[in-house]
């Protein structure tokens, strides 16, 4: 299936997302902070990035913007995953370059459907 980079500072969320993705056959790469996101996306060239918003240092909006604006990584779709459920948060994520937005708690069926959608174009 796909190689998915998951950027989230919560070990609990990382473990839950990893389980959801691996049960569907995806390869998972994990990163616990946004500040290394662009470098990691460049080096691993994942098929998709799942990006948390609230993280220390560089937040997910900033990291999404960096990935979506970089010529070496802009083709890689970013799905923002956040506990922030306001329409303004979703719109801001999309303005930063995210292709999709998922509100926590994550439902496995929703997550897998959104990944399929961004991978299919």
C-alpha atoms as a PDB file:
ATOM      1  CA  UNK A   1       0.000   0.000   0.000  1.00  0.00           C
ATOM      2  CA  UNK A   2       1.288   3.496   0.854  1.00  0.00           C
ATOM      3  CA  UNK A   3       4.149   4.856   2.942  1.00  0.00           C
ATOM      4  CA  UNK A   4       2.579   7.323   5.384  1.00  0.00           C
ATOM      5  CA  UNK A   5       4.509   9.805   7.526  1.00  0.00           C
ATOM      6  CA  UNK A   6       2.658  10.544  10.776  1.00  0.00           C
ATOM      7  CA  UNK A   7       3.724  13.746  12.569  1.00  0.00           C
ATOM      8  CA  UNK A   8       2.263  13.940  16.078  1.00  0.00           C
ATOM      9  CA  UNK A   9       3.790  14.719  19.478  1.00  0.00           C
ATOM     10  CA  UNK A  10       1.406  12.370  21.338  1.00  0.00           C
ATOM     11  CA  UNK A  11       2.797   8.827  21.749  1.00  0.00           C
ATOM     12  CA  UNK A  12      -0.780   7.597  22.338  1.00  0.00           C
ATOM     13  CA  UNK A  13      -2.058   9.136  19.100  1.00  0.00           C
ATOM     14  CA  UNK A  14       0.993   7.887  17.173  1.00  0.00           C
ATOM     15  CA  UNK A  15       0.375   4.332  18.399  1.00  0.00           C
ATOM     16  CA  UNK A  16      -3.346   4.455  17.576  1.00  0.00           C
ATOM     17  CA  UNK A  17      -2.756   5.855  14.085  1.00  0.00           C
ATOM     18  CA  UNK A  18       0.037   3.355  13.427  1.00  0.00           C
ATOM     19  CA  UNK A  19      -2.308   0.483  14.337  1.00  0.00           C
ATOM     20  CA  UNK A  20      -5.055   1.816  12.038  1.00  0.00           C
ATOM     21  CA  UNK A  21      -2.672   2.238   9.120  1.00  0.00           C
ATOM     22  CA  UNK A  22      -0.735  -1.007   9.521  1.00  0.00           C
ATOM     23  CA  UNK A  23      -3.968  -3.006   9.760  1.00  0.00           C
ATOM     24  CA  UNK A  24      -4.755  -1.686   6.263  1.00  0.00           C
ATOM     25  CA  UNK A  25      -1.310  -2.621   4.946  1.00  0.00           C
ATOM     26  CA  UNK A  26       0.355   0.794   5.011  1.00  0.00           C
ATOM     27  CA  UNK A  27       3.987   1.388   5.943  1.00  0.00           C
ATOM     28  CA  UNK A  28       4.254   3.953   8.748  1.00  0.00           C
ATOM     29  CA  UNK A  29       7.051   6.434   9.422  1.00  0.00           C
ATOM     30  CA  UNK A  30       6.690   8.415  12.668  1.00  0.00           C
ATOM     31  CA  UNK A  31       7.901  11.855  13.676  1.00  0.00           C
ATOM     32  CA  UNK A  32       7.131  13.507  17.013  1.00  0.00           C
ATOM     33  CA  UNK A  33       7.724  17.158  16.127  1.00  0.00           C
ATOM     34  CA  UNK A  34       6.888  19.517  13.308  1.00  0.00           C
ATOM     35  CA  UNK A  35      10.296  21.202  13.134  1.00  0.00           C
ATOM     36  CA  UNK A  36      11.837  18.192  11.336  1.00  0.00           C
ATOM     37  CA  UNK A  37       8.823  17.526   9.100  1.00  0.00           C
ATOM     38  CA  UNK A  38      10.161  19.056   5.878  1.00  0.00           C
ATOM     39  CA  UNK A  39      13.538  17.344   6.238  1.00  0.00           C
ATOM     40  CA  UNK A  40      11.867  13.987   6.968  1.00  0.00           C
ATOM     41  CA  UNK A  41       9.422  14.333   4.058  1.00  0.00           C
ATOM     42  CA  UNK A  42      12.353  15.108   1.752  1.00  0.00           C
ATOM     43  CA  UNK A  43      14.380  12.119   2.947  1.00  0.00           C
ATOM     44  CA  UNK A  44      11.606   9.506   3.154  1.00  0.00           C
ATOM     45  CA  UNK A  45       9.401  10.680   0.239  1.00  0.00           C
ATOM     46  CA  UNK A  46       6.178   9.298   1.753  1.00  0.00           C
ATOM     47  CA  UNK A  47       3.045   8.889  -0.339  1.00  0.00           C
ATOM     48  CA  UNK A  48       1.078  10.932   2.214  1.00  0.00           C
ATOM     49  CA  UNK A  49       1.638  12.926   5.431  1.00  0.00           C
ATOM     50  CA  UNK A  50      -0.693  12.967   8.443  1.00  0.00           C
ATOM     51  CA  UNK A  51       0.026  16.175  10.377  1.00  0.00           C
ATOM     52  CA  UNK A  52      -1.093  17.066  13.898  1.00  0.00           C
ATOM     53  CA  UNK A  53      -1.598  20.795  14.543  1.00  0.00           C
ATOM     54  CA  UNK A  54      -0.767  21.390  18.202  1.00  0.00           C
ATOM     55  CA  UNK A  55       2.908  20.533  18.704  1.00  0.00           C
ATOM     56  CA  UNK A  56       5.782  22.263  20.495  1.00  0.00           C
ATOM     57  CA  UNK A  57       8.131  24.339  18.369  1.00  0.00           C
ATOM     58  CA  UNK A  58       6.818  24.382  14.813  1.00  0.00           C
ATOM     59  CA  UNK A  59       3.075  23.726  14.743  1.00  0.00           C
ATOM     60  CA  UNK A  60       1.315  21.610  12.134  1.00  0.00           C
ATOM     61  CA  UNK A  61       0.066  24.598  10.151  1.00  0.00           C
ATOM     62  CA  UNK A  62       3.643  25.881   9.758  1.00  0.00           C
ATOM     63  CA  UNK A  63       4.976  22.419   8.903  1.00  0.00           C
ATOM     64  CA  UNK A  64       2.178  21.844   6.368  1.00  0.00           C
ATOM     65  CA  UNK A  65       2.974  25.173   4.721  1.00  0.00           C
ATOM     66  CA  UNK A  66       6.686  24.252   4.526  1.00  0.00           C
ATOM     67  CA  UNK A  67       5.950  20.856   2.927  1.00  0.00           C
ATOM     68  CA  UNK A  68       3.369  22.208   0.476  1.00  0.00           C
ATOM     69  CA  UNK A  69       5.561  25.129  -0.661  1.00  0.00           C
ATOM     70  CA  UNK A  70       8.825  23.185  -1.128  1.00  0.00           C
ATOM     71  CA  UNK A  71       9.426  22.162  -4.743  1.00  0.00           C
ATOM     72  CA  UNK A  72      10.816  18.763  -3.676  1.00  0.00           C
ATOM     73  CA  UNK A  73       7.772  17.871  -1.549  1.00  0.00           C
ATOM     74  CA  UNK A  74       4.781  19.884  -2.794  1.00  0.00           C
ATOM     75  CA  UNK A  75       3.418  16.874  -4.701  1.00  0.00           C
ATOM     76  CA  UNK A  76       3.014  14.906  -1.447  1.00  0.00           C
ATOM     77  CA  UNK A  77      -0.493  15.311   0.015  1.00  0.00           C
ATOM     78  CA  UNK A  78      -0.849  16.438   3.637  1.00  0.00           C
ATOM     79  CA  UNK A  79      -3.864  15.523   5.756  1.00  0.00           C
ATOM     80  CA  UNK A  80      -4.147  17.608   8.909  1.00  0.00           C
ATOM     81  CA  UNK A  81      -5.389  15.743  11.985  1.00  0.00           C
ATOM     82  CA  UNK A  82      -6.384  17.909  14.918  1.00  0.00           C
ATOM     83  CA  UNK A  83      -8.534  18.242  18.009  1.00  0.00           C
ATOM     84  CA  UNK A  84      -9.378  21.749  16.704  1.00  0.00           C
ATOM     85  CA  UNK A  85     -12.864  21.402  15.260  1.00  0.00           C
ATOM     86  CA  UNK A  86     -13.706  24.951  14.183  1.00  0.00           C
ATOM     87  CA  UNK A  87     -14.364  25.684  10.504  1.00  0.00           C
ATOM     88  CA  UNK A  88     -11.715  28.408  10.669  1.00  0.00           C
ATOM     89  CA  UNK A  89      -9.077  25.814  11.678  1.00  0.00           C
ATOM     90  CA  UNK A  90     -10.051  23.580   8.770  1.00  0.00           C
ATOM     91  CA  UNK A  91      -9.996  26.470   6.314  1.00  0.00           C
ATOM     92  CA  UNK A  92      -6.634  27.668   7.625  1.00  0.00           C
ATOM     93  CA  UNK A  93      -5.173  24.162   7.204  1.00  0.00           C
ATOM     94  CA  UNK A  94      -6.390  24.048   3.603  1.00  0.00           C
ATOM     95  CA  UNK A  95      -4.906  27.507   2.967  1.00  0.00           C
ATOM     96  CA  UNK A  96      -1.557  26.192   4.227  1.00  0.00           C
ATOM     97  CA  UNK A  97      -1.654  23.433   1.618  1.00  0.00           C
ATOM     98  CA  UNK A  98      -3.429  20.549   3.357  1.00  0.00           C
ATOM     99  CA  UNK A  99      -5.615  18.423   1.086  1.00  0.00           C
ATOM    100  CA  UNK A 100      -7.890  17.105   3.849  1.00  0.00           C
ATOM    101  CA  UNK A 101      -8.715  17.771   7.518  1.00  0.00           C
ATOM    102  CA  UNK A 102      -9.733  15.200  10.142  1.00  0.00           C
ATOM    103  CA  UNK A 103     -10.955  16.053  13.645  1.00  0.00           C
ATOM    104  CA  UNK A 104      -9.827  13.882  16.578  1.00  0.00           C
ATOM    105  CA  UNK A 105     -10.859  11.386  17.814  1.00  0.00           C
ATOM    106  CA  UNK A 106     -10.070   9.639  14.553  1.00  0.00           C
ATOM    107  CA  UNK A 107     -12.354   6.987  13.130  1.00  0.00           C
ATOM    108  CA  UNK A 108     -10.392   4.370  11.205  1.00  0.00           C
ATOM    109  CA  UNK A 109     -12.851   4.227   8.285  1.00  0.00           C
ATOM    110  CA  UNK A 110     -12.704   8.028   7.854  1.00  0.00           C
ATOM    111  CA  UNK A 111      -8.914   8.074   8.028  1.00  0.00           C
ATOM    112  CA  UNK A 112      -8.479   5.311   5.464  1.00  0.00           C
ATOM    113  CA  UNK A 113     -11.068   6.867   3.130  1.00  0.00           C
ATOM    114  CA  UNK A 114      -9.322  10.259   3.213  1.00  0.00           C
ATOM    115  CA  UNK A 115      -5.925   8.649   2.567  1.00  0.00           C
ATOM    116  CA  UNK A 116      -7.350   6.765  -0.425  1.00  0.00           C
ATOM    117  CA  UNK A 117      -8.943   9.966  -1.721  1.00  0.00           C
ATOM    118  CA  UNK A 118      -5.723  12.021  -1.625  1.00  0.00           C
ATOM    119  CA  UNK A 119      -3.655   9.197  -3.098  1.00  0.00           C
ATOM    120  CA  UNK A 120      -6.063   8.773  -5.997  1.00  0.00           C
ATOM    121  CA  UNK A 121      -5.761  12.426  -6.797  1.00  0.00           C
END
